[in-house]
């Protein structure tokens, strides 16, 4: 059994801890498309990709998004 991003059980656990907050008010913020953004989208949570730090730092972000077609709701250099 796997537990972690992008698997749904990790997001289900987080959402259960935040059960008093509507899912529409949650935002998954991360620096990787295949774990943070994909997992958040699959869990029904809005997503924001951070680009100035982490996995995509210095890369062509648009090309990185276009290849796997994993599209975040928001993109920001940092939070």
C-alpha atoms as a PDB file:
ATOM      1  CA  UNK A   1       0.000   0.000   0.000  1.00  0.00           C
ATOM      2  CA  UNK A   2       1.322   3.411  -0.960  1.00  0.00           C
ATOM      3  CA  UNK A   3       0.594   6.530   1.059  1.00  0.00           C
ATOM      4  CA  UNK A   4       1.665   9.866  -0.333  1.00  0.00           C
ATOM      5  CA  UNK A   5       1.211  12.217  -3.223  1.00  0.00           C
ATOM      6  CA  UNK A   6      -0.313  11.767  -5.782  1.00  0.00           C
ATOM      7  CA  UNK A   7      -2.296   8.878  -4.264  1.00  0.00           C
ATOM      8  CA  UNK A   8      -5.799   9.703  -3.109  1.00  0.00           C
ATOM      9  CA  UNK A   9      -5.355   8.364   0.417  1.00  0.00           C
ATOM     10  CA  UNK A  10      -2.899  11.173   1.231  1.00  0.00           C
ATOM     11  CA  UNK A  11      -5.338  13.802   0.021  1.00  0.00           C
ATOM     12  CA  UNK A  12      -8.274  12.091   1.725  1.00  0.00           C
ATOM     13  CA  UNK A  13      -6.362  12.204   5.026  1.00  0.00           C
ATOM     14  CA  UNK A  14      -5.624  15.905   4.611  1.00  0.00           C
ATOM     15  CA  UNK A  15      -9.220  16.692   3.637  1.00  0.00           C
ATOM     16  CA  UNK A  16     -10.519  14.777   6.680  1.00  0.00           C
ATOM     17  CA  UNK A  17      -8.360  16.960   8.950  1.00  0.00           C
ATOM     18  CA  UNK A  18      -9.819  20.030   7.237  1.00  0.00           C
ATOM     19  CA  UNK A  19     -13.393  18.759   7.099  1.00  0.00           C
ATOM     20  CA  UNK A  20     -14.814  22.026   8.441  1.00  0.00           C
ATOM     21  CA  UNK A  21     -13.502  23.831   5.338  1.00  0.00           C
ATOM     22  CA  UNK A  22     -15.322  23.290   2.018  1.00  0.00           C
ATOM     23  CA  UNK A  23     -13.143  21.607  -0.622  1.00  0.00           C
ATOM     24  CA  UNK A  24     -13.802  24.601  -2.874  1.00  0.00           C
ATOM     25  CA  UNK A  25     -11.781  26.720  -0.406  1.00  0.00           C
ATOM     26  CA  UNK A  26      -8.718  24.427  -0.352  1.00  0.00           C
ATOM     27  CA  UNK A  27      -5.586  24.979  -2.439  1.00  0.00           C
ATOM     28  CA  UNK A  28      -2.822  22.447  -3.060  1.00  0.00           C
ATOM     29  CA  UNK A  29       0.425  24.378  -3.440  1.00  0.00           C
ATOM     30  CA  UNK A  30       3.462  22.565  -4.747  1.00  0.00           C
ATOM     31  CA  UNK A  31       6.450  22.532  -7.062  1.00  0.00           C
ATOM     32  CA  UNK A  32       5.903  19.261  -8.944  1.00  0.00           C
ATOM     33  CA  UNK A  33       3.367  18.473 -11.632  1.00  0.00           C
ATOM     34  CA  UNK A  34       3.267  14.690 -11.187  1.00  0.00           C
ATOM     35  CA  UNK A  35       2.730  14.638  -7.420  1.00  0.00           C
ATOM     36  CA  UNK A  36       1.436  17.959  -6.117  1.00  0.00           C
ATOM     37  CA  UNK A  37      -0.627  19.206  -9.050  1.00  0.00           C
ATOM     38  CA  UNK A  38      -1.862  15.842 -10.346  1.00  0.00           C
ATOM     39  CA  UNK A  39      -2.767  14.682  -6.855  1.00  0.00           C
ATOM     40  CA  UNK A  40      -4.596  17.893  -5.995  1.00  0.00           C
ATOM     41  CA  UNK A  41      -6.556  17.884  -9.234  1.00  0.00           C
ATOM     42  CA  UNK A  42      -7.539  14.231  -8.799  1.00  0.00           C
ATOM     43  CA  UNK A  43      -8.696  15.012  -5.252  1.00  0.00           C
ATOM     44  CA  UNK A  44     -10.909  17.853  -6.489  1.00  0.00           C
ATOM     45  CA  UNK A  45      -8.728  20.543  -4.935  1.00  0.00           C
ATOM     46  CA  UNK A  46      -7.599  23.700  -6.750  1.00  0.00           C
ATOM     47  CA  UNK A  47      -3.870  23.760  -7.437  1.00  0.00           C
ATOM     48  CA  UNK A  48      -1.053  26.284  -7.601  1.00  0.00           C
ATOM     49  CA  UNK A  49       2.324  25.466  -9.138  1.00  0.00           C
ATOM     50  CA  UNK A  50       5.314  27.262  -7.592  1.00  0.00           C
ATOM     51  CA  UNK A  51       8.081  27.770 -10.145  1.00  0.00           C
ATOM     52  CA  UNK A  52      10.971  29.759  -8.619  1.00  0.00           C
ATOM     53  CA  UNK A  53      11.949  26.999  -6.193  1.00  0.00           C
ATOM     54  CA  UNK A  54      12.082  23.233  -6.291  1.00  0.00           C
ATOM     55  CA  UNK A  55      11.590  20.870  -9.205  1.00  0.00           C
ATOM     56  CA  UNK A  56      10.889  23.416 -11.951  1.00  0.00           C
ATOM     57  CA  UNK A  57      13.381  26.101 -10.962  1.00  0.00           C
ATOM     58  CA  UNK A  58      15.106  27.419 -14.079  1.00  0.00           C
ATOM     59  CA  UNK A  59      13.063  25.307 -16.499  1.00  0.00           C
ATOM     60  CA  UNK A  60      10.624  26.343 -19.212  1.00  0.00           C
ATOM     61  CA  UNK A  61       7.449  25.929 -17.145  1.00  0.00           C
ATOM     62  CA  UNK A  62       5.092  26.104 -20.118  1.00  0.00           C
ATOM     63  CA  UNK A  63       6.955  23.276 -21.855  1.00  0.00           C
ATOM     64  CA  UNK A  64       6.947  21.243 -18.655  1.00  0.00           C
ATOM     65  CA  UNK A  65       3.175  21.671 -18.373  1.00  0.00           C
ATOM     66  CA  UNK A  66       2.513  20.987 -22.074  1.00  0.00           C
ATOM     67  CA  UNK A  67       4.345  17.651 -22.212  1.00  0.00           C
ATOM     68  CA  UNK A  68       2.197  15.718 -19.684  1.00  0.00           C
ATOM     69  CA  UNK A  69      -0.809  18.046 -19.997  1.00  0.00           C
ATOM     70  CA  UNK A  70      -1.029  18.413 -16.213  1.00  0.00           C
ATOM     71  CA  UNK A  71      -2.374  21.934 -15.896  1.00  0.00           C
ATOM     72  CA  UNK A  72      -2.474  23.783 -12.566  1.00  0.00           C
ATOM     73  CA  UNK A  73      -5.221  26.272 -11.780  1.00  0.00           C
ATOM     74  CA  UNK A  74      -2.647  28.915 -10.827  1.00  0.00           C
ATOM     75  CA  UNK A  75       1.069  29.467 -11.424  1.00  0.00           C
ATOM     76  CA  UNK A  76       3.250  31.695  -9.252  1.00  0.00           C
ATOM     77  CA  UNK A  77       6.995  32.069  -8.827  1.00  0.00           C
ATOM     78  CA  UNK A  78       6.678  31.772  -5.042  1.00  0.00           C
ATOM     79  CA  UNK A  79       4.240  32.087  -2.176  1.00  0.00           C
END
